[in-house]
Amino acid sequence: MSTALHTAIEAIPLPHSTRTLGEERALAGIAEQNGGLVVTLRFPYPTAHIAGTLRAAVAQAAAAGGETRTVETRIETEIVTHKVQPGVPTLKGVKNIIAVASGKGGVGKSTTSACLAVALSRMGARVGVLDADLYGPSQPTMLGTAGQEPKQHDKHFIPVTTAGGIQMMSIGFLVDTDQAVVWRGPMVSQALQQLLFQSQWDEVDYLIIDLPPGTGDIQLTLSQKIPVTGAVVVTTPQDIALIDARKAVDMFGKVNIPIFGVVENMAVHVCSQCGHQEALFGSDGGKALAGRLNVPLLGQLPLNLPLRLAMDEGRAHALFEEQPAIAALYTDAAWQLVQAVARQGKDFSGRFPKIVVE
């Protein structure tokens, strides 16, 4: 097979990235078939959102190199389990757990969690959401599953599935949402573990855990008992939010959970009448935080009326169809996130036999 074609394909830029297909080791093979060529690309993350772009780029590279045969590009995805905190075993049915956290309430963490989950699902991943904000569960409302109850099988919950195919569990399915959850820390920690470990997750590539604000009992349970691949920190640009975001960052550092990136939420307010943008909470605070941490700024996301309405009305999935500009922002954030996860070391614990000393 032509070395020139191999080289040309490896030089193709990975869309919305600074890397090439060669740097990603994405070219799995070039084979002759039925008088044409079949190019196989294999990625460690979902790529449905860029599949068309990749196929066009491969065809262009082949044509530029003088290839006259038809070129078919097959794109494969092989998402694996990555490393978690030392001493914490990985979870059956879940490959990677991503905690979405903020040090301060009211910065849009739950909205970010829901929209990242929808974006990942639309990119081709198998996605789950665990609503860990036990005092104020909002994911059932945002993802359009409020009022449903999880079925049970073999003493385990079957996660509720959204219209877009996202598996989710929340205390909001099990308690009266009009009643306050008045539990002490140990009960909250136990409930969180039950929601996670006593649910039958079905081969989830990425499980998004929507954490409550702060650095309390749930966060401590997360760091000690739950296998977390990494975290995303959500903040608004204003100084008071950044102070608390830095506390969340410090907490993850102390428990050996890497930060995959920062989301600057409510970066600008977009007027629904004229489209004017105004930085109500200051400018680039999240960007500066990401720079200090040397992690990606996953996105600077807007505060606008269609986004708020979609979350309140349980139409997170519909939002991506109706608001392509907003969908593109969250998709780009999710794209950077999965690339960061893929760069994390792989988990090899499943390859070793269990040794029992009698």
Protein backbone atom coordinates (compact mmCIF):
# COMPACT_ATOMS: atom_id res chain seq x y z
CA MET A 1 0.00 0.00 0.00
CA SER A 2 1.20 3.50 -0.83
CA THR A 3 3.37 4.99 1.88
CA ALA A 4 2.45 8.43 0.54
CA LEU A 5 -1.26 7.81 1.13
CA HIS A 6 -0.52 6.55 4.64
CA THR A 7 1.49 9.69 5.38
CA ALA A 8 -1.17 11.98 3.86
CA ILE A 9 -3.94 10.48 6.00
CA GLU A 10 -1.87 10.73 9.18
CA ALA A 11 -1.26 14.42 8.44
CA ILE A 12 -5.02 15.18 8.45
CA PRO A 13 -5.89 17.49 11.37
CA LEU A 14 -8.30 16.07 13.92
CA PRO A 15 -11.31 18.44 13.68
CA HIS A 16 -11.56 21.04 16.46
CA SER A 17 -8.19 19.93 17.85
CA THR A 18 -4.52 20.83 17.63
CA ARG A 19 -3.56 17.21 16.90
CA THR A 20 -3.39 15.14 13.72
CA LEU A 21 -4.69 11.64 12.98
CA GLY A 22 -1.09 10.45 13.13
CA GLU A 23 -0.58 11.90 16.60
CA GLU A 24 -3.80 10.20 17.69
CA ARG A 25 -2.65 6.91 16.11
CA ALA A 26 -6.08 6.77 14.52
CA LEU A 27 -5.15 5.05 11.24
CA ALA A 28 -5.86 1.38 11.89
CA GLY A 29 -5.37 0.18 8.32
CA ILE A 30 -5.69 0.65 4.57
CA ALA A 31 -6.90 -2.34 2.57
CA GLU A 32 -7.85 -3.10 -1.02
CA GLN A 33 -11.41 -4.28 -1.48
CA ASN A 34 -13.55 -4.73 -4.61
CA GLY A 35 -11.25 -2.59 -6.69
CA GLY A 36 -11.22 0.27 -4.20
CA LEU A 37 -9.64 1.15 -0.87
CA VAL A 38 -11.02 0.84 2.62
CA VAL A 39 -9.47 3.16 5.19
CA THR A 40 -10.16 2.24 8.81
CA LEU A 41 -9.88 4.91 11.50
CA ARG A 42 -10.14 3.91 15.14
CA PHE A 43 -10.58 6.37 18.01
CA PRO A 44 -10.68 6.03 21.81
CA TYR A 45 -13.62 8.44 22.04
CA PRO A 46 -16.95 9.07 20.24
CA THR A 47 -16.71 10.79 16.85
CA ALA A 48 -20.21 10.78 15.33
CA HIS A 49 -20.24 14.58 15.25
CA ILE A 50 -17.10 14.75 13.04
CA ALA A 51 -17.55 11.56 10.99
CA GLY A 52 -18.59 13.41 7.83
CA THR A 53 -15.68 15.82 8.10
CA LEU A 54 -13.22 12.95 8.58
CA ARG A 55 -14.53 11.04 5.55
CA ALA A 56 -14.31 14.12 3.36
CA ALA A 57 -10.76 14.83 4.55
CA VAL A 58 -9.60 11.28 3.80
CA ALA A 59 -11.15 11.40 0.32
CA GLN A 60 -9.47 14.75 -0.33
CA ALA A 61 -6.09 13.47 0.86
CA ALA A 62 -6.37 10.42 -1.39
CA ALA A 63 -7.34 12.51 -4.43
CA ALA A 64 -4.52 14.98 -3.79
CA GLY A 65 -2.09 12.06 -3.80
CA GLY A 66 -3.28 10.89 -7.20
CA GLU A 67 -5.44 8.00 -5.98
CA THR A 68 -8.10 7.25 -8.60
CA ARG A 69 -9.82 4.33 -6.90
CA THR A 70 -12.88 4.77 -4.71
CA VAL A 71 -12.06 5.31 -1.04
CA GLU A 72 -14.38 4.15 1.73
CA THR A 73 -13.63 5.36 5.27
CA ARG A 74 -14.79 3.24 8.18
CA ILE A 75 -14.73 4.86 11.60
CA GLU A 76 -14.55 2.71 14.71
CA THR A 77 -14.76 3.67 18.37
CA GLU A 78 -13.09 1.75 21.17
CA ILE A 79 -13.66 3.47 24.51
CA VAL A 80 -11.83 1.84 27.41
CA THR A 81 -11.72 2.19 31.18
CA HIS A 82 -9.13 4.62 32.48
CA LYS A 83 -7.30 4.92 35.77
CA VAL A 84 -9.06 6.08 38.93
CA GLN A 85 -7.91 6.88 42.46
CA PRO A 86 -5.46 4.38 43.98
CA GLY A 87 -7.17 1.60 45.93
CA VAL A 88 -10.68 2.18 44.52
CA PRO A 89 -11.96 -0.62 42.25
CA THR A 90 -13.71 0.23 38.99
CA LEU A 91 -17.46 -0.26 38.63
CA LYS A 92 -19.10 -3.02 36.60
CA GLY A 93 -21.04 -1.62 33.66
CA VAL A 94 -19.35 1.79 33.79
CA LYS A 95 -16.08 2.57 32.01
CA ASN A 96 -15.40 6.15 33.08
CA ILE A 97 -16.92 8.36 35.78
CA ILE A 98 -16.70 12.13 35.39
CA ALA A 99 -17.63 14.31 38.35
CA VAL A 100 -19.07 17.74 37.57
CA ALA A 101 -18.45 20.01 40.54
CA SER A 102 -18.51 23.58 41.75
CA GLY A 103 -17.52 25.10 45.02
CA LYS A 104 -20.54 27.42 44.92
CA GLY A 105 -24.23 26.87 44.21
CA GLY A 106 -26.11 28.65 41.48
CA VAL A 107 -23.39 28.59 38.83
CA GLY A 108 -25.24 26.25 36.46
CA LYS A 109 -23.52 22.99 37.35
CA SER A 110 -26.63 20.85 36.83
CA THR A 111 -27.38 22.51 33.50
CA THR A 112 -23.80 21.85 32.44
CA SER A 113 -24.06 18.20 33.55
CA ALA A 114 -27.27 17.62 31.62
CA CYS A 115 -26.03 19.32 28.46
CA LEU A 116 -22.66 17.55 28.52
CA ALA A 117 -24.53 14.24 28.84
CA VAL A 118 -26.75 15.06 25.85
CA ALA A 119 -23.74 16.18 23.81
CA LEU A 120 -21.81 12.99 24.57
CA SER A 121 -24.82 10.87 23.66
CA ARG A 122 -25.27 12.65 20.34
CA MET A 123 -21.56 12.13 19.66
CA GLY A 124 -22.17 8.38 19.80
CA ALA A 125 -21.24 7.46 23.37
CA ARG A 126 -23.24 5.38 25.81
CA VAL A 127 -23.94 7.87 28.59
CA GLY A 128 -25.25 7.76 32.14
CA VAL A 129 -26.12 10.49 34.64
CA LEU A 130 -26.08 10.09 38.41
CA ASP A 131 -27.81 12.94 40.21
CA ALA A 132 -25.73 13.19 43.38
CA ASP A 133 -27.33 16.41 44.60
CA LEU A 134 -29.52 14.51 47.04
CA TYR A 135 -30.91 17.60 48.74
CA GLY A 136 -31.94 19.25 45.48
CA PRO A 137 -32.17 16.71 42.63
CA SER A 138 -32.81 18.48 39.33
CA GLN A 139 -31.68 16.05 36.63
CA PRO A 140 -35.11 14.31 36.29
CA THR A 141 -36.65 17.68 35.48
CA MET A 142 -33.93 18.78 33.08
CA LEU A 143 -33.71 15.48 31.20
CA GLY A 144 -37.47 15.02 30.97
CA THR A 145 -37.88 11.99 33.25
CA ALA A 146 -39.62 13.59 36.25
CA GLY A 147 -42.32 11.40 37.77
CA GLN A 148 -40.84 8.12 36.55
CA GLU A 149 -39.66 5.32 38.82
CA PRO A 150 -36.77 2.93 38.18
CA LYS A 151 -37.70 -0.73 37.83
CA GLN A 152 -35.96 -3.32 39.97
CA HIS A 153 -34.30 -6.60 39.07
CA ASP A 154 -32.34 -8.94 41.32
CA LYS A 155 -32.30 -6.35 44.14
CA HIS A 156 -30.87 -3.72 41.81
CA PHE A 157 -32.37 -0.62 40.21
CA ILE A 158 -32.70 -0.42 36.45
CA PRO A 159 -31.75 3.18 35.58
CA VAL A 160 -34.45 5.26 33.95
CA THR A 161 -33.72 5.92 30.27
CA THR A 162 -34.33 9.34 28.74
CA ALA A 163 -35.82 9.96 25.31
CA GLY A 164 -32.28 10.35 23.98
CA GLY A 165 -31.08 7.04 25.44
CA ILE A 166 -29.23 8.38 28.51
CA GLN A 167 -29.33 6.11 31.56
CA MET A 168 -29.96 8.01 34.76
CA MET A 169 -30.51 7.58 38.48
CA SER A 170 -31.61 10.18 40.98
CA ILE A 171 -33.01 10.30 44.49
CA GLY A 172 -35.73 12.37 42.83
CA PHE A 173 -37.19 9.12 41.47
CA LEU A 174 -37.51 7.63 44.95
CA VAL A 175 -38.72 10.43 47.23
CA ASP A 176 -41.49 13.00 47.16
CA THR A 177 -39.87 15.93 45.39
CA ASP A 178 -42.11 18.37 47.29
CA GLN A 179 -40.68 17.20 50.61
CA ALA A 180 -37.32 18.27 52.00
CA VAL A 181 -34.63 15.58 52.33
CA VAL A 182 -33.55 16.00 55.96
CA TRP A 183 -30.70 13.54 56.33
CA ARG A 184 -27.43 13.62 58.20
CA GLY A 185 -24.14 13.09 56.43
CA PRO A 186 -23.85 9.28 56.88
CA MET A 187 -27.34 8.73 55.43
CA VAL A 188 -26.53 10.94 52.44
CA SER A 189 -23.28 9.06 51.80
CA GLN A 190 -25.04 5.70 52.03
CA ALA A 191 -27.80 6.84 49.68
CA LEU A 192 -25.25 8.01 47.12
CA GLN A 193 -23.47 4.66 47.17
CA GLN A 194 -26.75 2.78 46.83
CA LEU A 195 -27.79 4.86 43.82
CA LEU A 196 -24.46 4.13 42.14
CA PHE A 197 -23.54 0.59 43.16
CA GLN A 198 -27.03 -0.92 43.33
CA SER A 199 -27.97 0.16 39.82
CA GLN A 200 -27.52 -2.05 36.78
CA TRP A 201 -25.64 0.28 34.46
CA ASP A 202 -25.62 -1.05 30.91
CA GLU A 203 -22.12 -0.64 29.43
CA VAL A 204 -21.87 3.10 30.05
CA ASP A 205 -18.86 4.77 28.43
CA TYR A 206 -19.15 7.98 30.46
CA LEU A 207 -21.14 8.38 33.67
CA ILE A 208 -21.66 12.04 34.56
CA ILE A 209 -22.07 12.62 38.31
CA ASP A 210 -23.82 15.90 39.06
CA LEU A 211 -22.43 16.84 42.47
CA PRO A 212 -23.94 19.28 44.97
CA PRO A 213 -21.96 22.45 45.62
CA GLY A 214 -19.28 22.52 48.28
CA THR A 215 -16.72 20.07 49.63
CA GLY A 216 -18.75 18.09 52.16
CA ASP A 217 -19.91 14.54 52.85
CA ILE A 218 -20.91 13.62 49.30
CA GLN A 219 -17.62 14.85 47.87
CA LEU A 220 -15.72 12.92 50.55
CA THR A 221 -17.64 9.74 49.73
CA LEU A 222 -16.94 10.33 46.05
CA SER A 223 -13.21 10.55 46.63
CA GLN A 224 -12.96 7.57 48.98
CA LYS A 225 -15.50 5.06 47.66
CA ILE A 226 -16.32 5.87 44.04
CA PRO A 227 -13.93 5.25 41.11
CA VAL A 228 -13.66 8.68 39.52
CA THR A 229 -11.73 9.07 36.28
CA GLY A 230 -11.61 12.84 36.60
CA ALA A 231 -13.57 16.01 37.25
CA VAL A 232 -14.92 19.09 35.51
CA VAL A 233 -15.15 22.31 37.51
CA VAL A 234 -17.95 24.76 36.71
CA THR A 235 -17.74 28.42 37.64
CA THR A 236 -19.06 31.80 36.60
CA PRO A 237 -16.55 34.54 35.75
CA GLN A 238 -17.17 36.57 38.90
CA ASP A 239 -14.58 36.64 41.67
CA ILE A 240 -16.85 35.27 44.41
CA ALA A 241 -17.56 32.14 42.37
CA LEU A 242 -13.90 31.68 41.47
CA ILE A 243 -12.93 31.71 45.15
CA ASP A 244 -15.18 28.70 45.79
CA ALA A 245 -14.19 27.00 42.52
CA ARG A 246 -10.57 27.05 43.65
CA LYS A 247 -11.65 25.23 46.82
CA ALA A 248 -13.21 22.47 44.69
CA VAL A 249 -10.00 22.26 42.69
CA ASP A 250 -7.96 21.99 45.88
CA MET A 251 -10.22 19.19 47.15
CA PHE A 252 -9.75 17.11 43.99
CA GLY A 253 -6.00 17.65 44.17
CA LYS A 254 -5.87 16.30 47.72
CA VAL A 255 -7.72 13.09 46.76
CA ASN A 256 -5.77 12.40 43.54
CA ILE A 257 -8.63 13.07 41.12
CA PRO A 258 -7.43 14.92 37.98
CA ILE A 259 -9.19 18.00 36.64
CA PHE A 260 -10.09 17.54 32.97
CA GLY A 261 -11.12 21.13 32.43
CA VAL A 262 -13.00 24.22 33.51
CA VAL A 263 -16.39 25.36 32.23
CA GLU A 264 -17.01 29.09 32.48
CA ASN A 265 -20.80 29.28 32.67
CA MET A 266 -22.90 32.42 32.24
CA ALA A 267 -19.92 34.01 30.51
CA VAL A 268 -22.24 36.39 28.67
CA HIS A 269 -25.93 37.20 28.71
CA VAL A 270 -27.50 36.97 25.25
CA CYS A 271 -30.56 39.17 24.77
CA SER A 272 -33.43 37.16 23.29
CA GLN A 273 -34.74 40.23 21.47
CA CYS A 274 -31.70 41.73 19.79
CA GLY A 275 -28.89 39.22 20.37
CA HIS A 276 -26.73 41.74 22.23
CA GLN A 277 -24.16 40.08 24.49
CA GLU A 278 -23.20 41.51 27.86
CA ALA A 279 -20.74 40.10 30.41
CA LEU A 280 -22.94 40.44 33.49
CA PHE A 281 -20.56 38.58 35.83
CA GLY A 282 -17.23 39.85 34.53
CA SER A 283 -14.98 38.47 31.81
CA ASP A 284 -12.67 35.47 31.44
CA GLY A 285 -12.58 34.43 35.10
CA GLY A 286 -12.94 30.75 34.20
CA LYS A 287 -10.37 31.15 31.45
CA ALA A 288 -7.88 32.55 33.95
CA LEU A 289 -8.59 29.68 36.37
CA ALA A 290 -8.01 27.10 33.63
CA GLY A 291 -4.75 28.83 32.77
CA ARG A 292 -3.52 28.67 36.35
CA LEU A 293 -4.41 24.98 36.52
CA ASN A 294 -2.88 24.27 33.10
CA VAL A 295 -6.06 22.46 32.03
CA PRO A 296 -8.38 23.13 29.07
CA LEU A 297 -11.05 25.80 29.18
CA LEU A 298 -13.83 23.50 27.97
CA GLY A 299 -16.14 26.33 27.10
CA GLN A 300 -17.46 29.80 27.83
CA LEU A 301 -21.19 29.17 27.87
CA PRO A 302 -23.95 31.74 27.62
CA LEU A 303 -26.81 32.75 29.87
CA ASN A 304 -29.86 33.00 27.64
CA LEU A 305 -33.60 32.44 27.74
CA PRO A 306 -33.94 29.38 25.44
CA LEU A 307 -31.40 27.47 27.54
CA ARG A 308 -33.15 28.27 30.80
CA LEU A 309 -36.57 27.38 29.39
CA ALA A 310 -35.35 24.08 28.00
CA MET A 311 -33.95 23.05 31.38
CA ASP A 312 -37.10 24.02 33.27
CA GLU A 313 -39.34 22.26 30.76
CA GLY A 314 -37.33 19.01 30.60
CA ARG A 315 -36.31 19.59 27.01
CA ALA A 316 -32.53 19.25 27.18
CA HIS A 317 -32.55 16.91 24.18
CA ALA A 318 -34.79 19.20 22.10
CA LEU A 319 -32.53 22.17 22.89
CA PHE A 320 -29.78 20.66 20.74
CA GLU A 321 -32.11 20.50 17.75
CA GLU A 322 -33.66 23.93 18.22
CA GLN A 323 -30.57 25.92 19.22
CA PRO A 324 -27.64 24.79 17.06
CA ALA A 325 -25.36 27.58 18.31
CA ILE A 326 -25.79 26.47 21.93
CA ALA A 327 -25.50 22.81 20.90
CA ALA A 328 -22.18 23.56 19.20
CA LEU A 329 -20.75 25.11 22.39
CA TYR A 330 -21.64 22.11 24.54
CA THR A 331 -20.53 19.66 21.86
CA ASP A 332 -17.15 21.35 21.66
CA ALA A 333 -16.84 21.21 25.46
CA ALA A 334 -17.71 17.50 25.45
CA TRP A 335 -15.25 16.90 22.60
CA GLN A 336 -12.40 18.44 24.57
CA LEU A 337 -13.50 16.45 27.62
CA VAL A 338 -13.36 13.04 25.93
CA GLN A 339 -9.94 13.83 24.49
CA ALA A 340 -8.71 14.64 27.99
CA VAL A 341 -10.17 11.38 29.30
CA ALA A 342 -8.45 9.43 26.50
CA ARG A 343 -5.08 10.88 27.49
CA GLN A 344 -5.52 9.49 31.00
CA GLY A 345 -3.71 6.21 31.68
CA LYS A 346 -5.69 3.03 31.06
CA ASP A 347 -6.97 0.75 33.80
CA PHE A 348 -5.41 -2.72 33.56
CA SER A 349 -6.76 -4.19 36.80
CA GLY A 350 -9.23 -6.39 34.95
CA ARG A 351 -6.40 -8.21 33.19
CA PHE A 352 -4.88 -9.60 36.35
CA PRO A 353 -6.24 -12.75 38.02
CA LYS A 354 -7.58 -12.61 41.54
CA ILE A 355 -5.20 -14.28 43.94
CA VAL A 356 -6.70 -15.94 46.99
CA VAL A 357 -4.42 -16.99 49.84
CA GLU A 358 -5.86 -19.80 51.94
